[in-house]
Amino acid sequence: DGSDVVRKVARKILAELGFKLSDASTGREALALC
């Protein structure tokens, strides 16, 4: 997601659910992580 705020909020909630998280602000960055 291009929004820092959206990624931060989602990370906080999803970490509490027990996920191992990664995030990216662009598709290119996300693909490299994948």
PDB file of all heavy atoms in Angstrom:
ATOM      1  N   ASP A   1       0.856  -1.185   0.000  1.00  0.00           N
ATOM      2  CA  ASP A   1       0.000   0.000   0.000  1.00  0.00           C
ATOM      3  C   ASP A   1       0.892   1.235   0.000  1.00  0.00           C
ATOM      4  O   ASP A   1       1.877   1.279   0.728  1.00  0.00           O
ATOM      5  CB  ASP A   1      -0.905  -0.004   1.235  1.00  0.00           C
ATOM      6  CG  ASP A   1      -2.041   0.985   1.149  1.00  0.00           C
ATOM      7  OD1 ASP A   1      -1.774   2.200   1.041  1.00  0.00           O
ATOM      8  OD2 ASP A   1      -3.196   0.548   1.188  1.00  0.00           O
ATOM      9  N   GLY A   2       0.544   2.223  -0.801  1.00  0.00           N
ATOM     10  CA  GLY A   2       1.342   3.435  -0.888  1.00  0.00           C
ATOM     11  C   GLY A   2       1.266   4.335   0.330  1.00  0.00           C
ATOM     12  O   GLY A   2       2.097   5.227   0.492  1.00  0.00           O
ATOM     13  N   SER A   3       0.314   4.108   1.213  1.00  0.00           N
ATOM     14  CA  SER A   3       0.143   4.956   2.390  1.00  0.00           C
ATOM     15  C   SER A   3       0.896   4.399   3.597  1.00  0.00           C
ATOM     16  O   SER A   3       0.624   3.280   4.050  1.00  0.00           O
ATOM     17  CB  SER A   3      -1.348   5.069   2.733  1.00  0.00           C
ATOM     18  OG  SER A   3      -1.514   5.643   4.012  1.00  0.00           O
ATOM     19  N   ASP A   4       1.808   5.212   4.130  1.00  0.00           N
ATOM     20  CA  ASP A   4       2.542   4.813   5.336  1.00  0.00           C
ATOM     21  C   ASP A   4       1.590   4.563   6.496  1.00  0.00           C
ATOM     22  O   ASP A   4       1.770   3.626   7.277  1.00  0.00           O
ATOM     23  CB  ASP A   4       3.544   5.900   5.752  1.00  0.00           C
ATOM     24  CG  ASP A   4       4.679   6.073   4.751  1.00  0.00           C
ATOM     25  OD1 ASP A   4       4.947   5.138   3.970  1.00  0.00           O
ATOM     26  OD2 ASP A   4       5.298   7.156   4.756  1.00  0.00           O
ATOM     27  N   VAL A   5       0.563   5.403   6.629  1.00  0.00           N
ATOM     28  CA  VAL A   5      -0.391   5.289   7.733  1.00  0.00           C
ATOM     29  C   VAL A   5      -1.183   3.984   7.631  1.00  0.00           C
ATOM     30  O   VAL A   5      -1.338   3.264   8.623  1.00  0.00           O
ATOM     31  CB  VAL A   5      -1.345   6.509   7.765  1.00  0.00           C
ATOM     32  CG1 VAL A   5      -2.443   6.311   8.787  1.00  0.00           C
ATOM     33  CG2 VAL A   5      -0.567   7.780   8.048  1.00  0.00           C
ATOM     34  N   VAL A   6      -1.671   3.667   6.445  1.00  0.00           N
ATOM     35  CA  VAL A   6      -2.432   2.425   6.256  1.00  0.00           C
ATOM     36  C   VAL A   6      -1.571   1.220   6.589  1.00  0.00           C
ATOM     37  O   VAL A   6      -2.005   0.306   7.301  1.00  0.00           O
ATOM     38  CB  VAL A   6      -2.985   2.328   4.815  1.00  0.00           C
ATOM     39  CG1 VAL A   6      -3.546   0.943   4.541  1.00  0.00           C
ATOM     40  CG2 VAL A   6      -4.053   3.381   4.589  1.00  0.00           C
ATOM     41  N   ARG A   7      -0.326   1.214   6.100  1.00  0.00           N
ATOM     42  CA  ARG A   7       0.565   0.076   6.388  1.00  0.00           C
ATOM     43  C   ARG A   7       0.839  -0.042   7.881  1.00  0.00           C
ATOM     44  O   ARG A   7       0.819  -1.138   8.435  1.00  0.00           O
ATOM     45  CB  ARG A   7       1.874   0.208   5.606  1.00  0.00           C
ATOM     46  CG  ARG A   7       1.719  -0.027   4.121  1.00  0.00           C
ATOM     47  CD  ARG A   7       3.056  -0.227   3.399  1.00  0.00           C
ATOM     48  NE  ARG A   7       4.119   0.646   3.850  1.00  0.00           N
ATOM     49  CZ  ARG A   7       4.347   1.871   3.400  1.00  0.00           C
ATOM     50  NH1 ARG A   7       3.541   2.400   2.489  1.00  0.00           N
ATOM     51  NH2 ARG A   7       5.361   2.579   3.854  1.00  0.00           N
ATOM     52  N   LYS A   8       1.064   1.086   8.553  1.00  0.00           N
ATOM     53  CA  LYS A   8       1.356   1.066   9.987  1.00  0.00           C
ATOM     54  C   LYS A   8       0.174   0.534  10.791  1.00  0.00           C
ATOM     55  O   LYS A   8       0.342  -0.327  11.666  1.00  0.00           O
ATOM     56  CB  LYS A   8       1.722   2.483  10.455  1.00  0.00           C
ATOM     57  CG  LYS A   8       2.093   2.564  11.908  1.00  0.00           C
ATOM     58  CD  LYS A   8       2.473   3.981  12.304  1.00  0.00           C
ATOM     59  CE  LYS A   8       2.806   4.049  13.777  1.00  0.00           C
ATOM     60  NZ  LYS A   8       3.171   5.395  14.185  1.00  0.00           N
ATOM     61  N   VAL A   9      -1.030   1.024  10.500  1.00  0.00           N
ATOM     62  CA  VAL A   9      -2.226   0.581  11.218  1.00  0.00           C
ATOM     63  C   VAL A   9      -2.485  -0.906  10.948  1.00  0.00           C
ATOM     64  O   VAL A   9      -2.734  -1.680  11.876  1.00  0.00           O
ATOM     65  CB  VAL A   9      -3.453   1.438  10.827  1.00  0.00           C
ATOM     66  CG1 VAL A   9      -4.743   0.833  11.361  1.00  0.00           C
ATOM     67  CG2 VAL A   9      -3.283   2.864  11.333  1.00  0.00           C
ATOM     68  N   ALA A  10      -2.408  -1.307   9.691  1.00  0.00           N
ATOM     69  CA  ALA A  10      -2.643  -2.714   9.344  1.00  0.00           C
ATOM     70  C   ALA A  10      -1.610  -3.618  10.008  1.00  0.00           C
ATOM     71  O   ALA A  10      -1.947  -4.684  10.519  1.00  0.00           O
ATOM     72  CB  ALA A  10      -2.636  -2.896   7.834  1.00  0.00           C
ATOM     73  N   ARG A  11      -0.347  -3.199  10.000  1.00  0.00           N
ATOM     74  CA  ARG A  11       0.709  -4.004  10.647  1.00  0.00           C
ATOM     75  C   ARG A  11       0.406  -4.215  12.128  1.00  0.00           C
ATOM     76  O   ARG A  11       0.559  -5.322  12.643  1.00  0.00           O
ATOM     77  CB  ARG A  11       2.077  -3.323  10.505  1.00  0.00           C
ATOM     78  CG  ARG A  11       2.725  -3.498   9.161  1.00  0.00           C
ATOM     79  CD  ARG A  11       4.124  -2.892   9.165  1.00  0.00           C
ATOM     80  NE  ARG A  11       5.007  -3.665  10.011  1.00  0.00           N
ATOM     81  CZ  ARG A  11       5.787  -4.659   9.577  1.00  0.00           C
ATOM     82  NH1 ARG A  11       5.782  -4.980   8.319  1.00  0.00           N
ATOM     83  NH2 ARG A  11       6.557  -5.317  10.412  1.00  0.00           N
ATOM     84  N   LYS A  12      -0.002  -3.151  12.808  1.00  0.00           N
ATOM     85  CA  LYS A  12      -0.281  -3.247  14.244  1.00  0.00           C
ATOM     86  C   LYS A  12      -1.399  -4.257  14.506  1.00  0.00           C
ATOM     87  O   LYS A  12      -1.263  -5.151  15.343  1.00  0.00           O
ATOM     88  CB  LYS A  12      -0.663  -1.877  14.791  1.00  0.00           C
ATOM     89  CG  LYS A  12      -0.962  -1.876  16.286  1.00  0.00           C
ATOM     90  CD  LYS A  12      -1.276  -0.484  16.777  1.00  0.00           C
ATOM     91  CE  LYS A  12      -1.557  -0.352  18.235  1.00  0.00           C
ATOM     92  NZ  LYS A  12      -1.856  -1.488  19.026  1.00  0.00           N
ATOM     93  N   ILE A  13      -2.492  -4.130  13.777  1.00  0.00           N
ATOM     94  CA  ILE A  13      -3.637  -5.023  13.980  1.00  0.00           C
ATOM     95  C   ILE A  13      -3.291  -6.459  13.609  1.00  0.00           C
ATOM     96  O   ILE A  13      -3.572  -7.399  14.362  1.00  0.00           O
ATOM     97  CB  ILE A  13      -4.851  -4.531  13.161  1.00  0.00           C
ATOM     98  CG1 ILE A  13      -5.323  -3.162  13.683  1.00  0.00           C
ATOM     99  CG2 ILE A  13      -5.990  -5.550  13.205  1.00  0.00           C
ATOM    100  CD1 ILE A  13      -6.278  -2.437  12.755  1.00  0.00           C
ATOM    101  N   LEU A  14      -2.667  -6.651  12.457  1.00  0.00           N
ATOM    102  CA  LEU A  14      -2.374  -8.010  11.977  1.00  0.00           C
ATOM    103  C   LEU A  14      -1.284  -8.686  12.800  1.00  0.00           C
ATOM    104  O   LEU A  14      -1.304  -9.901  12.967  1.00  0.00           O
ATOM    105  CB  LEU A  14      -2.010  -7.964  10.494  1.00  0.00           C
ATOM    106  CG  LEU A  14      -3.187  -7.559   9.591  1.00  0.00           C
ATOM    107  CD1 LEU A  14      -2.702  -7.175   8.206  1.00  0.00           C
ATOM    108  CD2 LEU A  14      -4.226  -8.663   9.517  1.00  0.00           C
ATOM    109  N   ALA A  15      -0.351  -7.910  13.353  1.00  0.00           N
ATOM    110  CA  ALA A  15       0.669  -8.493  14.241  1.00  0.00           C
ATOM    111  C   ALA A  15       0.006  -9.048  15.498  1.00  0.00           C
ATOM    112  O   ALA A  15       0.383 -10.114  15.992  1.00  0.00           O
ATOM    113  CB  ALA A  15       1.719  -7.450  14.606  1.00  0.00           C
ATOM    114  N   GLU A  16      -0.995  -8.332  16.000  1.00  0.00           N
ATOM    115  CA  GLU A  16      -1.721  -8.803  17.181  1.00  0.00           C
ATOM    116  C   GLU A  16      -2.468 -10.105  16.893  1.00  0.00           C
ATOM    117  O   GLU A  16      -2.730 -10.885  17.804  1.00  0.00           O
ATOM    118  CB  GLU A  16      -2.700  -7.733  17.662  1.00  0.00           C
ATOM    119  CG  GLU A  16      -2.022  -6.518  18.259  1.00  0.00           C
ATOM    120  CD  GLU A  16      -2.975  -5.363  18.532  1.00  0.00           C
ATOM    121  OE1 GLU A  16      -4.196  -5.518  18.335  1.00  0.00           O
ATOM    122  OE2 GLU A  16      -2.482  -4.286  18.939  1.00  0.00           O
ATOM    123  N   LEU A  17      -2.808 -10.334  15.626  1.00  0.00           N
ATOM    124  CA  LEU A  17      -3.487 -11.578  15.245  1.00  0.00           C
ATOM    125  C   LEU A  17      -2.513 -12.737  15.082  1.00  0.00           C
ATOM    126  O   LEU A  17      -2.929 -13.882  14.956  1.00  0.00           O
ATOM    127  CB  LEU A  17      -4.279 -11.378  13.941  1.00  0.00           C
ATOM    128  CG  LEU A  17      -5.436 -10.390  14.015  1.00  0.00           C
ATOM    129  CD1 LEU A  17      -6.070 -10.219  12.630  1.00  0.00           C
ATOM    130  CD2 LEU A  17      -6.479 -10.838  15.020  1.00  0.00           C
ATOM    131  N   GLY A  18      -1.211 -12.438  15.063  1.00  0.00           N
ATOM    132  CA  GLY A  18      -0.214 -13.497  15.023  1.00  0.00           C
ATOM    133  C   GLY A  18       0.473 -13.711  13.688  1.00  0.00           C
ATOM    134  O   GLY A  18       1.138 -14.730  13.498  1.00  0.00           O
ATOM    135  N   PHE A  19       0.367 -12.773  12.769  1.00  0.00           N
ATOM    136  CA  PHE A  19       1.033 -12.911  11.477  1.00  0.00           C
ATOM    137  C   PHE A  19       2.484 -12.462  11.542  1.00  0.00           C
ATOM    138  O   PHE A  19       2.839 -11.561  12.302  1.00  0.00           O
ATOM    139  CB  PHE A  19       0.330 -12.052  10.406  1.00  0.00           C
ATOM    140  CG  PHE A  19      -0.937 -12.642   9.886  1.00  0.00           C
ATOM    141  CD1 PHE A  19      -2.158 -12.198  10.372  1.00  0.00           C
ATOM    142  CD2 PHE A  19      -0.924 -13.632   8.922  1.00  0.00           C
ATOM    143  CE1 PHE A  19      -3.349 -12.734   9.898  1.00  0.00           C
ATOM    144  CE2 PHE A  19      -2.104 -14.178   8.444  1.00  0.00           C
ATOM    145  CZ  PHE A  19      -3.315 -13.727   8.932  1.00  0.00           C
ATOM    146  N   LYS A  20       3.308 -13.067  10.707  1.00  0.00           N
ATOM    147  CA  LYS A  20       4.647 -12.568  10.426  1.00  0.00           C
ATOM    148  C   LYS A  20       4.456 -11.606   9.250  1.00  0.00           C
ATOM    149  O   LYS A  20       3.990 -12.008   8.184  1.00  0.00           O
ATOM    150  CB  LYS A  20       5.585 -13.711  10.044  1.00  0.00           C
ATOM    151  CG  LYS A  20       6.979 -13.260   9.720  1.00  0.00           C
ATOM    152  CD  LYS A  20       7.859 -14.434   9.350  1.00  0.00           C
ATOM    153  CE  LYS A  20       9.241 -13.937   8.968  1.00  0.00           C
ATOM    154  NZ  LYS A  20      10.062 -15.047   8.460  1.00  0.00           N
ATOM    155  N   LEU A  21       4.780 -10.333   9.447  1.00  0.00           N
ATOM    156  CA  LEU A  21       4.411  -9.301   8.483  1.00  0.00           C
ATOM    157  C   LEU A  21       5.583  -8.722   7.721  1.00  0.00           C
ATOM    158  O   LEU A  21       6.695  -8.636   8.232  1.00  0.00           O
ATOM    159  CB  LEU A  21       3.695  -8.160   9.205  1.00  0.00           C
ATOM    160  CG  LEU A  21       2.370  -8.541   9.824  1.00  0.00           C
ATOM    161  CD1 LEU A  21       1.932  -7.519  10.835  1.00  0.00           C
ATOM    162  CD2 LEU A  21       1.316  -8.715   8.751  1.00  0.00           C
ATOM    163  N   SER A  22       5.277  -8.312   6.500  1.00  0.00           N
ATOM    164  CA  SER A  22       6.172  -7.493   5.703  1.00  0.00           C
ATOM    165  C   SER A  22       5.292  -6.469   5.006  1.00  0.00           C
ATOM    166  O   SER A  22       4.077  -6.653   4.893  1.00  0.00           O
ATOM    167  CB  SER A  22       6.952  -8.331   4.689  1.00  0.00           C
ATOM    168  OG  SER A  22       6.080  -9.010   3.814  1.00  0.00           O
ATOM    169  N   ASP A  23       5.909  -5.373   4.573  1.00  0.00           N
ATOM    170  CA  ASP A  23       5.115  -4.391   3.852  1.00  0.00           C
ATOM    171  C   ASP A  23       5.967  -3.698   2.810  1.00  0.00           C
ATOM    172  O   ASP A  23       7.198  -3.716   2.878  1.00  0.00           O
ATOM    173  CB  ASP A  23       4.465  -3.382   4.807  1.00  0.00           C
ATOM    174  CG  ASP A  23       5.460  -2.524   5.532  1.00  0.00           C
ATOM    175  OD1 ASP A  23       5.823  -1.466   4.991  1.00  0.00           O
ATOM    176  OD2 ASP A  23       5.875  -2.894   6.649  1.00  0.00           O
ATOM    177  N   ALA A  24       5.277  -3.110   1.837  1.00  0.00           N
ATOM    178  CA  ALA A  24       5.941  -2.417   0.749  1.00  0.00           C
ATOM    179  C   ALA A  24       5.074  -1.243   0.314  1.00  0.00           C
ATOM    180  O   ALA A  24       3.847  -1.315   0.380  1.00  0.00           O
ATOM    181  CB  ALA A  24       6.151  -3.374  -0.420  1.00  0.00           C
ATOM    182  N   SER A  25       5.728  -0.180  -0.142  1.00  0.00           N
ATOM    183  CA  SER A  25       4.989   1.006  -0.567  1.00  0.00           C
ATOM    184  C   SER A  25       4.762   1.042  -2.074  1.00  0.00           C
ATOM    185  O   SER A  25       3.998   1.863  -2.564  1.00  0.00           O
ATOM    186  CB  SER A  25       5.711   2.277  -0.116  1.00  0.00           C
ATOM    187  OG  SER A  25       7.010   2.333  -0.689  1.00  0.00           O
ATOM    188  N   THR A  26       5.429   0.144  -2.814  1.00  0.00           N
ATOM    189  CA  THR A  26       5.249   0.069  -4.267  1.00  0.00           C
ATOM    190  C   THR A  26       5.139  -1.387  -4.691  1.00  0.00           C
ATOM    191  O   THR A  26       5.584  -2.297  -3.966  1.00  0.00           O
ATOM    192  CB  THR A  26       6.438   0.695  -5.028  1.00  0.00           C
ATOM    193  OG1 THR A  26       7.608  -0.110  -4.798  1.00  0.00           O
ATOM    194  CG2 THR A  26       6.692   2.133  -4.602  1.00  0.00           C
ATOM    195  N   GLY A  27       4.595  -1.589  -5.856  1.00  0.00           N
ATOM    196  CA  GLY A  27       4.513  -2.942  -6.395  1.00  0.00           C
ATOM    197  C   GLY A  27       5.888  -3.530  -6.647  1.00  0.00           C
ATOM    198  O   GLY A  27       6.115  -4.717  -6.410  1.00  0.00           O
ATOM    199  N   ARG A  28       6.806  -2.713  -7.114  1.00  0.00           N
ATOM    200  CA  ARG A  28       8.174  -3.195  -7.389  1.00  0.00           C
ATOM    201  C   ARG A  28       8.843  -3.682  -6.101  1.00  0.00           C
ATOM    202  O   ARG A  28       9.467  -4.744  -6.069  1.00  0.00           O
ATOM    203  CB  ARG A  28       8.985  -2.071  -8.028  1.00  0.00           C
ATOM    204  CG  ARG A  28      10.406  -2.481  -8.353  1.00  0.00           C
ATOM    205  CD  ARG A  28      11.117  -1.403  -9.094  1.00  0.00           C
ATOM    206  NE  ARG A  28      10.457  -1.266 -10.387  1.00  0.00           N
ATOM    207  CZ  ARG A  28      10.785  -0.355 -11.280  1.00  0.00           C
ATOM    208  NH1 ARG A  28      11.745   0.496 -11.025  1.00  0.00           N
ATOM    209  NH2 ARG A  28      10.154  -0.292 -12.426  1.00  0.00           N
ATOM    210  N   GLU A  29       8.691  -2.905  -5.041  1.00  0.00           N
ATOM    211  CA  GLU A  29       9.256  -3.288  -3.742  1.00  0.00           C
ATOM    212  C   GLU A  29       8.596  -4.576  -3.236  1.00  0.00           C
ATOM    213  O   GLU A  29       9.274  -5.479  -2.737  1.00  0.00           O
ATOM    214  CB  GLU A  29       9.032  -2.146  -2.752  1.00  0.00           C
ATOM    215  CG  GLU A  29       9.612  -2.372  -1.377  1.00  0.00           C
ATOM    216  CD  GLU A  29       9.276  -1.242  -0.406  1.00  0.00           C
ATOM    217  OE1 GLU A  29       8.711  -0.207  -0.806  1.00  0.00           O
ATOM    218  OE2 GLU A  29       9.565  -1.432   0.784  1.00  0.00           O
ATOM    219  N   ALA A  30       7.278  -4.673  -3.380  1.00  0.00           N
ATOM    220  CA  ALA A  30       6.549  -5.865  -2.935  1.00  0.00           C
ATOM    221  C   ALA A  30       6.995  -7.098  -3.715  1.00  0.00           C
ATOM    222  O   ALA A  30       7.194  -8.167  -3.134  1.00  0.00           O
ATOM    223  CB  ALA A  30       5.045  -5.653  -3.092  1.00  0.00           C
ATOM    224  N   LEU A  31       7.167  -6.959  -5.020  1.00  0.00           N
ATOM    225  CA  LEU A  31       7.591  -8.098  -5.840  1.00  0.00           C
ATOM    226  C   LEU A  31       8.987  -8.570  -5.439  1.00  0.00           C
ATOM    227  O   LEU A  31       9.225  -9.776  -5.342  1.00  0.00           O
ATOM    228  CB  LEU A  31       7.543  -7.738  -7.326  1.00  0.00           C
ATOM    229  CG  LEU A  31       7.867  -8.883  -8.279  1.00  0.00           C
ATOM    230  CD1 LEU A  31       6.889 -10.042  -8.110  1.00  0.00           C
ATOM    231  CD2 LEU A  31       7.861  -8.391  -9.722  1.00  0.00           C
ATOM    232  N   ALA A  32       9.882  -7.631  -5.177  1.00  0.00           N
ATOM    233  CA  ALA A  32      11.230  -7.994  -4.737  1.00  0.00           C
ATOM    234  C   ALA A  32      11.172  -8.789  -3.434  1.00  0.00           C
ATOM    235  O   ALA A  32      11.883  -9.796  -3.271  1.00  0.00           O
ATOM    236  CB  ALA A  32      12.095  -6.752  -4.571  1.00  0.00           C
ATOM    237  N   LEU A  33      10.325  -8.369  -2.502  1.00  0.00           N
ATOM    238  CA  LEU A  33      10.161  -9.109  -1.242  1.00  0.00           C
ATOM    239  C   LEU A  33       9.573 -10.491  -1.502  1.00  0.00           C
ATOM    240  O   LEU A  33       9.987 -11.480  -0.878  1.00  0.00           O
ATOM    241  CB  LEU A  33       9.265  -8.325  -0.274  1.00  0.00           C
ATOM    242  CG  LEU A  33       9.862  -7.045   0.314  1.00  0.00           C
ATOM    243  CD1 LEU A  33       8.796  -6.253   1.059  1.00  0.00           C
ATOM    244  CD2 LEU A  33      11.026  -7.368   1.228  1.00  0.00           C
ATOM    245  N   CYS A  34       8.611 -10.583  -2.399  1.00  0.00           N
ATOM    246  CA  CYS A  34       7.986 -11.870  -2.725  1.00  0.00           C
ATOM    247  C   CYS A  34       8.979 -12.827  -3.367  1.00  0.00           C
ATOM    248  O   CYS A  34       8.909 -14.040  -3.153  1.00  0.00           O
ATOM    249  CB  CYS A  34       6.795 -11.680  -3.662  1.00  0.00           C
ATOM    250  SG  CYS A  34       5.348 -10.989  -2.871  1.00  0.00           S
TER     251      CYS A  34
END
